[in-house]
């Protein structure tokens, strides 16, 4: 996932989303829901820059659905970002 985050920092959106999708698959396979939620959160941050707002909304929704294993602060930020996406 760190490669995806580096691409977010560099604003290389397609590369970031590609790496984050891969990270999500790997974390799902390992059943590590806490880290999966982190990858979903960062994917939700990257997708709007590629014009994929609905997919970003889906990523944040999936992040929130993981609930307990996720970092509570990250969940708070995911809720705020989802609200901002819904607003416009």
PDB file of N, CA and C in Angstrom:
ATOM      1  N   UNK A   1       0.815  -1.190   0.000  1.00  0.00           N
ATOM      2  CA  UNK A   1       0.000   0.000   0.000  1.00  0.00           C
ATOM      3  C   UNK A   1       0.856   1.250   0.000  1.00  0.00           C
ATOM      4  N   UNK A   2       2.054   1.202   0.525  1.00  0.00           N
ATOM      5  CA  UNK A   2       2.873   2.406   0.578  1.00  0.00           C
ATOM      6  C   UNK A   2       3.197   2.932  -0.812  1.00  0.00           C
ATOM      7  N   UNK A   3       3.316   2.061  -1.806  1.00  0.00           N
ATOM      8  CA  UNK A   3       3.565   2.538  -3.172  1.00  0.00           C
ATOM      9  C   UNK A   3       2.371   3.358  -3.651  1.00  0.00           C
ATOM     10  N   UNK A   4       1.173   2.892  -3.354  1.00  0.00           N
ATOM     11  CA  UNK A   4      -0.026   3.647  -3.715  1.00  0.00           C
ATOM     12  C   UNK A   4      -0.054   5.013  -3.053  1.00  0.00           C
ATOM     13  N   UNK A   5       0.347   5.062  -1.803  1.00  0.00           N
ATOM     14  CA  UNK A   5       0.356   6.351  -1.087  1.00  0.00           C
ATOM     15  C   UNK A   5       1.416   7.286  -1.650  1.00  0.00           C
ATOM     16  N   UNK A   6       2.546   6.762  -2.061  1.00  0.00           N
ATOM     17  CA  UNK A   6       3.577   7.601  -2.688  1.00  0.00           C
ATOM     18  C   UNK A   6       3.014   8.207  -3.969  1.00  0.00           C
ATOM     19  N   UNK A   7       2.311   7.410  -4.754  1.00  0.00           N
ATOM     20  CA  UNK A   7       1.723   7.938  -5.988  1.00  0.00           C
ATOM     21  C   UNK A   7       0.648   8.986  -5.692  1.00  0.00           C
ATOM     22  N   UNK A   8      -0.085   8.824  -4.581  1.00  0.00           N
ATOM     23  CA  UNK A   8      -1.046   9.865  -4.187  1.00  0.00           C
ATOM     24  C   UNK A   8      -0.296  11.160  -3.901  1.00  0.00           C
ATOM     25  N   UNK A   9       0.776  11.072  -3.144  1.00  0.00           N
ATOM     26  CA  UNK A   9       1.575  12.249  -2.813  1.00  0.00           C
ATOM     27  C   UNK A   9       2.073  12.938  -4.082  1.00  0.00           C
ATOM     28  N   UNK A  10       2.462  12.132  -5.079  1.00  0.00           N
ATOM     29  CA  UNK A  10       2.978  12.671  -6.339  1.00  0.00           C
ATOM     30  C   UNK A  10       1.872  13.044  -7.325  1.00  0.00           C
ATOM     31  N   UNK A  11       0.634  12.785  -6.921  1.00  0.00           N
ATOM     32  CA  UNK A  11      -0.536  13.053  -7.765  1.00  0.00           C
ATOM     33  C   UNK A  11      -0.522  12.237  -9.058  1.00  0.00           C
ATOM     34  N   UNK A  12       0.028  11.050  -8.979  1.00  0.00           N
ATOM     35  CA  UNK A  12      -0.016  10.082 -10.081  1.00  0.00           C
ATOM     36  C   UNK A  12      -1.239   9.200  -9.850  1.00  0.00           C
ATOM     37  N   UNK A  13      -2.415   9.746 -10.133  1.00  0.00           N
ATOM     38  CA  UNK A  13      -3.669   9.118  -9.729  1.00  0.00           C
ATOM     39  C   UNK A  13      -3.886   7.719 -10.310  1.00  0.00           C
ATOM     40  N   UNK A  14      -3.707   7.503 -11.614  1.00  0.00           N
ATOM     41  CA  UNK A  14      -3.933   6.138 -12.132  1.00  0.00           C
ATOM     42  C   UNK A  14      -3.000   5.105 -11.503  1.00  0.00           C
ATOM     43  N   UNK A  15      -1.743   5.475 -11.294  1.00  0.00           N
ATOM     44  CA  UNK A  15      -0.804   4.548 -10.657  1.00  0.00           C
ATOM     45  C   UNK A  15      -1.207   4.294  -9.209  1.00  0.00           C
ATOM     46  N   UNK A  16      -1.626   5.345  -8.529  1.00  0.00           N
ATOM     47  CA  UNK A  16      -2.041   5.204  -7.133  1.00  0.00           C
ATOM     48  C   UNK A  16      -3.221   4.249  -7.017  1.00  0.00           C
ATOM     49  N   UNK A  17      -4.237   4.460  -7.833  1.00  0.00           N
ATOM     50  CA  UNK A  17      -5.419   3.611  -7.719  1.00  0.00           C
ATOM     51  C   UNK A  17      -5.097   2.167  -8.085  1.00  0.00           C
ATOM     52  N   UNK A  18      -4.261   1.953  -9.082  1.00  0.00           N
ATOM     53  CA  UNK A  18      -3.874   0.594  -9.444  1.00  0.00           C
ATOM     54  C   UNK A  18      -3.204  -0.138  -8.296  1.00  0.00           C
ATOM     55  N   UNK A  19      -2.263   0.522  -7.647  1.00  0.00           N
ATOM     56  CA  UNK A  19      -1.559  -0.098  -6.517  1.00  0.00           C
ATOM     57  C   UNK A  19      -2.506  -0.315  -5.332  1.00  0.00           C
ATOM     58  N   UNK A  20      -3.405   0.624  -5.117  1.00  0.00           N
ATOM     59  CA  UNK A  20      -4.331   0.480  -3.998  1.00  0.00           C
ATOM     60  C   UNK A  20      -5.335  -0.638  -4.227  1.00  0.00           C
ATOM     61  N   UNK A  21      -5.814  -0.806  -5.464  1.00  0.00           N
ATOM     62  CA  UNK A  21      -6.700  -1.941  -5.758  1.00  0.00           C
ATOM     63  C   UNK A  21      -5.978  -3.259  -5.475  1.00  0.00           C
ATOM     64  N   UNK A  22      -4.717  -3.340  -5.858  1.00  0.00           N
ATOM     65  CA  UNK A  22      -3.924  -4.548  -5.583  1.00  0.00           C
ATOM     66  C   UNK A  22      -3.771  -4.761  -4.086  1.00  0.00           C
ATOM     67  N   UNK A  23      -3.479  -3.693  -3.361  1.00  0.00           N
ATOM     68  CA  UNK A  23      -3.312  -3.795  -1.907  1.00  0.00           C
ATOM     69  C   UNK A  23      -4.595  -4.302  -1.246  1.00  0.00           C
ATOM     70  N   UNK A  24      -5.726  -3.794  -1.695  1.00  0.00           N
ATOM     71  CA  UNK A  24      -7.004  -4.213  -1.118  1.00  0.00           C
ATOM     72  C   UNK A  24      -7.215  -5.710  -1.326  1.00  0.00           C
ATOM     73  N   UNK A  25      -6.937  -6.201  -2.524  1.00  0.00           N
ATOM     74  CA  UNK A  25      -7.065  -7.637  -2.792  1.00  0.00           C
ATOM     75  C   UNK A  25      -6.165  -8.452  -1.865  1.00  0.00           C
ATOM     76  N   UNK A  26      -4.921  -8.002  -1.704  1.00  0.00           N
ATOM     77  CA  UNK A  26      -3.984  -8.730  -0.848  1.00  0.00           C
ATOM     78  C   UNK A  26      -4.442  -8.735   0.604  1.00  0.00           C
ATOM     79  N   UNK A  27      -4.915  -7.590   1.092  1.00  0.00           N
ATOM     80  CA  UNK A  27      -5.355  -7.529   2.488  1.00  0.00           C
ATOM     81  C   UNK A  27      -6.619  -8.336   2.699  1.00  0.00           C
ATOM     82  N   UNK A  28      -7.510  -8.356   1.708  1.00  0.00           N
ATOM     83  CA  UNK A  28      -8.714  -9.189   1.837  1.00  0.00           C
ATOM     84  C   UNK A  28      -8.338 -10.661   1.916  1.00  0.00           C
ATOM     85  N   UNK A  29      -7.377 -11.059   1.091  1.00  0.00           N
ATOM     86  CA  UNK A  29      -6.926 -12.457   1.113  1.00  0.00           C
ATOM     87  C   UNK A  29      -6.304 -12.823   2.458  1.00  0.00           C
ATOM     88  N   UNK A  30      -5.686 -11.863   3.129  1.00  0.00           N
ATOM     89  CA  UNK A  30      -5.027 -12.144   4.409  1.00  0.00           C
ATOM     90  C   UNK A  30      -5.975 -11.950   5.597  1.00  0.00           C
ATOM     91  N   UNK A  31      -7.184 -11.476   5.327  1.00  0.00           N
ATOM     92  CA  UNK A  31      -8.195 -11.227   6.367  1.00  0.00           C
ATOM     93  C   UNK A  31      -7.764 -10.164   7.383  1.00  0.00           C
ATOM     94  N   UNK A  32      -6.906  -9.243   6.972  1.00  0.00           N
ATOM     95  CA  UNK A  32      -6.491  -8.150   7.855  1.00  0.00           C
ATOM     96  C   UNK A  32      -7.397  -6.949   7.569  1.00  0.00           C
ATOM     97  N   UNK A  33      -8.518  -6.901   8.273  1.00  0.00           N
ATOM     98  CA  UNK A  33      -9.544  -5.877   8.018  1.00  0.00           C
ATOM     99  C   UNK A  33      -9.086  -4.466   8.376  1.00  0.00           C
ATOM    100  N   UNK A  34      -8.230  -4.342   9.368  1.00  0.00           N
ATOM    101  CA  UNK A  34      -7.741  -3.021   9.752  1.00  0.00           C
ATOM    102  C   UNK A  34      -6.937  -2.373   8.643  1.00  0.00           C
ATOM    103  N   UNK A  35      -6.039  -3.137   8.043  1.00  0.00           N
ATOM    104  CA  UNK A  35      -5.210  -2.589   6.968  1.00  0.00           C
ATOM    105  C   UNK A  35      -6.023  -2.464   5.682  1.00  0.00           C
ATOM    106  N   UNK A  36      -6.967  -3.375   5.479  1.00  0.00           N
ATOM    107  CA  UNK A  36      -7.861  -3.262   4.325  1.00  0.00           C
ATOM    108  C   UNK A  36      -8.627  -1.945   4.381  1.00  0.00           C
ATOM    109  N   UNK A  37      -9.096  -1.576   5.577  1.00  0.00           N
ATOM    110  CA  UNK A  37      -9.837  -0.314   5.705  1.00  0.00           C
ATOM    111  C   UNK A  37      -8.949   0.877   5.367  1.00  0.00           C
ATOM    112  N   UNK A  38      -7.677   0.800   5.739  1.00  0.00           N
ATOM    113  CA  UNK A  38      -6.738   1.881   5.420  1.00  0.00           C
ATOM    114  C   UNK A  38      -6.571   2.007   3.900  1.00  0.00           C
ATOM    115  N   UNK A  39      -6.415   0.883   3.225  1.00  0.00           N
ATOM    116  CA  UNK A  39      -6.261   0.908   1.763  1.00  0.00           C
ATOM    117  C   UNK A  39      -7.521   1.447   1.096  1.00  0.00           C
ATOM    118  N   UNK A  40      -8.687   1.045   1.590  1.00  0.00           N
ATOM    119  CA  UNK A  40      -9.946   1.555   1.035  1.00  0.00           C
ATOM    120  C   UNK A  40     -10.065   3.061   1.237  1.00  0.00           C
ATOM    121  N   UNK A  41      -9.644   3.535   2.390  1.00  0.00           N
ATOM    122  CA  UNK A  41      -9.677   4.972   2.672  1.00  0.00           C
ATOM    123  C   UNK A  41      -8.807   5.733   1.672  1.00  0.00           C
ATOM    124  N   UNK A  42      -7.582   5.269   1.467  1.00  0.00           N
ATOM    125  CA  UNK A  42      -6.683   5.961   0.542  1.00  0.00           C
ATOM    126  C   UNK A  42      -7.173   5.843  -0.900  1.00  0.00           C
ATOM    127  N   UNK A  43      -7.782   4.723  -1.241  1.00  0.00           N
ATOM    128  CA  UNK A  43      -8.370   4.585  -2.571  1.00  0.00           C
ATOM    129  C   UNK A  43      -9.484   5.609  -2.753  1.00  0.00           C
ATOM    130  N   UNK A  44     -10.320   5.747  -1.731  1.00  0.00           N
ATOM    131  CA  UNK A  44     -11.387   6.752  -1.790  1.00  0.00           C
ATOM    132  C   UNK A  44     -10.848   8.162  -1.963  1.00  0.00           C
ATOM    133  N   UNK A  45      -9.697   8.436  -1.386  1.00  0.00           N
ATOM    134  CA  UNK A  45      -9.060   9.751  -1.570  1.00  0.00           C
ATOM    135  C   UNK A  45      -8.551   9.945  -2.993  1.00  0.00           C
ATOM    136  N   UNK A  46      -8.047   8.892  -3.602  1.00  0.00           N
ATOM    137  CA  UNK A  46      -7.421   9.010  -4.924  1.00  0.00           C
ATOM    138  C   UNK A  46      -8.431   9.013  -6.072  1.00  0.00           C
ATOM    139  N   UNK A  47      -9.506   8.279  -5.948  1.00  0.00           N
ATOM    140  CA  UNK A  47     -10.432   8.092  -7.072  1.00  0.00           C
ATOM    141  C   UNK A  47     -11.084   9.376  -7.604  1.00  0.00           C
ATOM    142  N   UNK A  48     -11.485  10.328  -6.777  1.00  0.00           N
ATOM    143  CA  UNK A  48     -12.107  11.535  -7.335  1.00  0.00           C
ATOM    144  C   UNK A  48     -11.203  12.286  -8.316  1.00  0.00           C
ATOM    145  N   UNK A  49      -9.907  12.226  -8.109  1.00  0.00           N
ATOM    146  CA  UNK A  49      -8.980  12.921  -9.006  1.00  0.00           C
ATOM    147  C   UNK A  49      -8.961  12.281 -10.394  1.00  0.00           C
ATOM    148  N   UNK A  50      -9.435  11.052 -10.500  1.00  0.00           N
ATOM    149  CA  UNK A  50      -9.520  10.384 -11.806  1.00  0.00           C
ATOM    150  C   UNK A  50     -10.931  10.486 -12.381  1.00  0.00           C
ATOM    151  N   UNK A  51     -11.808  11.219 -11.683  1.00  0.00           N
ATOM    152  CA  UNK A  51     -13.179  11.390 -12.149  1.00  0.00           C
ATOM    153  C   UNK A  51     -14.130  10.293 -11.691  1.00  0.00           C
ATOM    154  N   UNK A  52     -13.667   9.409 -10.831  1.00  0.00           N
ATOM    155  CA  UNK A  52     -14.470   8.259 -10.406  1.00  0.00           C
ATOM    156  C   UNK A  52     -15.075   8.501  -9.018  1.00  0.00           C
ATOM    157  N   UNK A  53     -15.990   9.446  -8.965  1.00  0.00           N
ATOM    158  CA  UNK A  53     -16.598   9.830  -7.686  1.00  0.00           C
ATOM    159  C   UNK A  53     -17.466   8.717  -7.099  1.00  0.00           C
ATOM    160  N   UNK A  54     -18.228   8.015  -7.935  1.00  0.00           N
ATOM    161  CA  UNK A  54     -19.066   6.927  -7.428  1.00  0.00           C
ATOM    162  C   UNK A  54     -18.213   5.808  -6.845  1.00  0.00           C
ATOM    163  N   UNK A  55     -17.094   5.516  -7.500  1.00  0.00           N
ATOM    164  CA  UNK A  55     -16.188   4.490  -7.002  1.00  0.00           C
ATOM    165  C   UNK A  55     -15.540   4.931  -5.685  1.00  0.00           C
ATOM    166  N   UNK A  56     -15.250   6.223  -5.569  1.00  0.00           N
ATOM    167  CA  UNK A  56     -14.710   6.755  -4.314  1.00  0.00           C
ATOM    168  C   UNK A  56     -15.738   6.599  -3.198  1.00  0.00           C
ATOM    169  N   UNK A  57     -16.974   6.920  -3.516  1.00  0.00           N
ATOM    170  CA  UNK A  57     -18.059   6.767  -2.550  1.00  0.00           C
ATOM    171  C   UNK A  57     -18.149   5.302  -2.087  1.00  0.00           C
ATOM    172  N   UNK A  58     -18.017   4.388  -3.039  1.00  0.00           N
ATOM    173  CA  UNK A  58     -18.058   2.962  -2.722  1.00  0.00           C
ATOM    174  C   UNK A  58     -16.879   2.559  -1.826  1.00  0.00           C
ATOM    175  N   UNK A  59     -15.685   3.070  -2.116  1.00  0.00           N
ATOM    176  CA  UNK A  59     -14.509   2.746  -1.307  1.00  0.00           C
ATOM    177  C   UNK A  59     -14.691   3.230   0.136  1.00  0.00           C
ATOM    178  N   UNK A  60     -15.180   4.466   0.299  1.00  0.00           N
ATOM    179  CA  UNK A  60     -15.408   4.983   1.650  1.00  0.00           C
ATOM    180  C   UNK A  60     -16.504   4.189   2.367  1.00  0.00           C
ATOM    181  N   UNK A  61     -17.544   3.811   1.638  1.00  0.00           N
ATOM    182  CA  UNK A  61     -18.625   3.015   2.229  1.00  0.00           C
ATOM    183  C   UNK A  61     -18.109   1.656   2.698  1.00  0.00           C
ATOM    184  N   UNK A  62     -17.266   1.023   1.876  1.00  0.00           N
ATOM    185  CA  UNK A  62     -16.679  -0.256   2.275  1.00  0.00           C
ATOM    186  C   UNK A  62     -15.768  -0.085   3.491  1.00  0.00           C
ATOM    187  N   UNK A  63     -15.016   0.988   3.511  1.00  0.00           N
ATOM    188  CA  UNK A  63     -14.150   1.280   4.659  1.00  0.00           C
ATOM    189  C   UNK A  63     -14.987   1.388   5.930  1.00  0.00           C
ATOM    190  N   UNK A  64     -16.082   2.122   5.859  1.00  0.00           N
ATOM    191  CA  UNK A  64     -16.950   2.306   7.026  1.00  0.00           C
ATOM    192  C   UNK A  64     -17.623   0.997   7.431  1.00  0.00           C
ATOM    193  N   UNK A  65     -17.923   0.139   6.478  1.00  0.00           N
ATOM    194  CA  UNK A  65     -18.586  -1.133   6.781  1.00  0.00           C
ATOM    195  C   UNK A  65     -17.690  -2.064   7.591  1.00  0.00           C
ATOM    196  N   UNK A  66     -16.372  -1.902   7.481  1.00  0.00           N
ATOM    197  CA  UNK A  66     -15.457  -2.759   8.241  1.00  0.00           C
ATOM    198  C   UNK A  66     -15.486  -2.429   9.727  1.00  0.00           C
ATOM    199  N   UNK A  67     -15.845  -1.212  10.059  1.00  0.00           N
ATOM    200  CA  UNK A  67     -16.103  -0.730  11.415  1.00  0.00           C
ATOM    201  C   UNK A  67     -15.036  -1.090  12.444  1.00  0.00           C
ATOM    202  N   UNK A  68     -15.279  -2.017  13.325  1.00  0.00           N
ATOM    203  CA  UNK A  68     -14.447  -2.254  14.505  1.00  0.00           C
ATOM    204  C   UNK A  68     -12.957  -2.439  14.229  1.00  0.00           C
ATOM    205  N   UNK A  69     -12.537  -3.227  13.222  1.00  0.00           N
ATOM    206  CA  UNK A  69     -11.091  -3.385  13.024  1.00  0.00           C
ATOM    207  C   UNK A  69     -10.399  -2.111  12.525  1.00  0.00           C
ATOM    208  N   UNK A  70     -11.179  -1.170  12.027  1.00  0.00           N
ATOM    209  CA  UNK A  70     -10.594   0.040  11.456  1.00  0.00           C
ATOM    210  C   UNK A  70     -10.251   1.045  12.555  1.00  0.00           C
ATOM    211  N   UNK A  71      -9.304   1.904  12.252  1.00  0.00           N
ATOM    212  CA  UNK A  71      -8.913   2.987  13.151  1.00  0.00           C
ATOM    213  C   UNK A  71     -10.093   3.960  13.280  1.00  0.00           C
ATOM    214  N   UNK A  72     -10.569   4.231  14.491  1.00  0.00           N
ATOM    215  CA  UNK A  72     -11.721   5.123  14.663  1.00  0.00           C
ATOM    216  C   UNK A  72     -11.516   6.510  14.059  1.00  0.00           C
ATOM    217  N   UNK A  73     -10.313   7.020  14.115  1.00  0.00           N
ATOM    218  CA  UNK A  73     -10.038   8.333  13.517  1.00  0.00           C
ATOM    219  C   UNK A  73     -10.192   8.259  12.002  1.00  0.00           C
ATOM    220  N   UNK A  74      -9.689   7.176  11.397  1.00  0.00           N
ATOM    221  CA  UNK A  74      -9.832   7.000   9.955  1.00  0.00           C
ATOM    222  C   UNK A  74     -11.309   6.895   9.578  1.00  0.00           C
ATOM    223  N   UNK A  75     -12.093   6.220  10.394  1.00  0.00           N
ATOM    224  CA  UNK A  75     -13.531   6.110  10.116  1.00  0.00           C
ATOM    225  C   UNK A  75     -14.197   7.479  10.154  1.00  0.00           C
ATOM    226  N   UNK A  76     -13.784   8.317  11.105  1.00  0.00           N
ATOM    227  CA  UNK A  76     -14.322   9.677  11.184  1.00  0.00           C
ATOM    228  C   UNK A  76     -13.994  10.455   9.917  1.00  0.00           C
ATOM    229  N   UNK A  77     -12.756  10.345   9.450  1.00  0.00           N
ATOM    230  CA  UNK A  77     -12.353  11.035   8.217  1.00  0.00           C
ATOM    231  C   UNK A  77     -13.087  10.459   7.008  1.00  0.00           C
ATOM    232  N   UNK A  78     -13.295   9.154   6.988  1.00  0.00           N
ATOM    233  CA  UNK A  78     -14.024   8.526   5.878  1.00  0.00           C
ATOM    234  C   UNK A  78     -15.461   9.039   5.831  1.00  0.00           C
ATOM    235  N   UNK A  79     -16.098   9.171   6.988  1.00  0.00           N
ATOM    236  CA  UNK A  79     -17.468   9.709   7.037  1.00  0.00           C
ATOM    237  C   UNK A  79     -17.514  11.134   6.491  1.00  0.00           C
ATOM    238  N   UNK A  80     -16.537  11.953   6.886  1.00  0.00           N
ATOM    239  CA  UNK A  80     -16.482  13.339   6.401  1.00  0.00           C
ATOM    240  C   UNK A  80     -16.282  13.392   4.896  1.00  0.00           C
ATOM    241  N   UNK A  81     -15.394  12.552   4.378  1.00  0.00           N
ATOM    242  CA  UNK A  81     -15.141  12.554   2.940  1.00  0.00           C
ATOM    243  C   UNK A  81     -16.358  12.039   2.166  1.00  0.00           C
ATOM    244  N   UNK A  82     -17.046  11.058   2.708  1.00  0.00           N
ATOM    245  CA  UNK A  82     -18.260  10.544   2.078  1.00  0.00           C
ATOM    246  C   UNK A  82     -19.331  11.623   2.052  1.00  0.00           C
ATOM    247  N   UNK A  83     -19.479  12.343   3.149  1.00  0.00           N
ATOM    248  CA  UNK A  83     -20.447  13.444   3.199  1.00  0.00           C
ATOM    249  C   UNK A  83     -20.094  14.514   2.162  1.00  0.00           C
ATOM    250  N   UNK A  84     -18.814  14.831   2.033  1.00  0.00           N
ATOM    251  CA  UNK A  84     -18.387  15.837   1.045  1.00  0.00           C
ATOM    252  C   UNK A  84     -18.672  15.357  -0.383  1.00  0.00           C
ATOM    253  N   UNK A  85     -18.448  14.067  -0.659  1.00  0.00           N
ATOM    254  CA  UNK A  85     -18.757  13.526  -1.982  1.00  0.00           C
ATOM    255  C   UNK A  85     -20.247  13.606  -2.260  1.00  0.00           C
ATOM    256  N   UNK A  86     -21.056  13.292  -1.248  1.00  0.00           N
ATOM    257  CA  UNK A  86     -22.508  13.334  -1.422  1.00  0.00           C
ATOM    258  C   UNK A  86     -23.011  14.757  -1.622  1.00  0.00           C
ATOM    259  N   UNK A  87     -22.289  15.724  -1.049  1.00  0.00           N
ATOM    260  CA  UNK A  87     -22.700  17.126  -1.163  1.00  0.00           C
ATOM    261  C   UNK A  87     -22.390  17.719  -2.526  1.00  0.00           C
ATOM    262  N   UNK A  88     -21.472  17.102  -3.208  1.00  0.00           N
ATOM    263  CA  UNK A  88     -21.260  17.708  -4.485  1.00  0.00           C
ATOM    264  C   UNK A  88     -20.027  17.494  -5.171  1.00  0.00           C
TER     265      UNK A  88
END
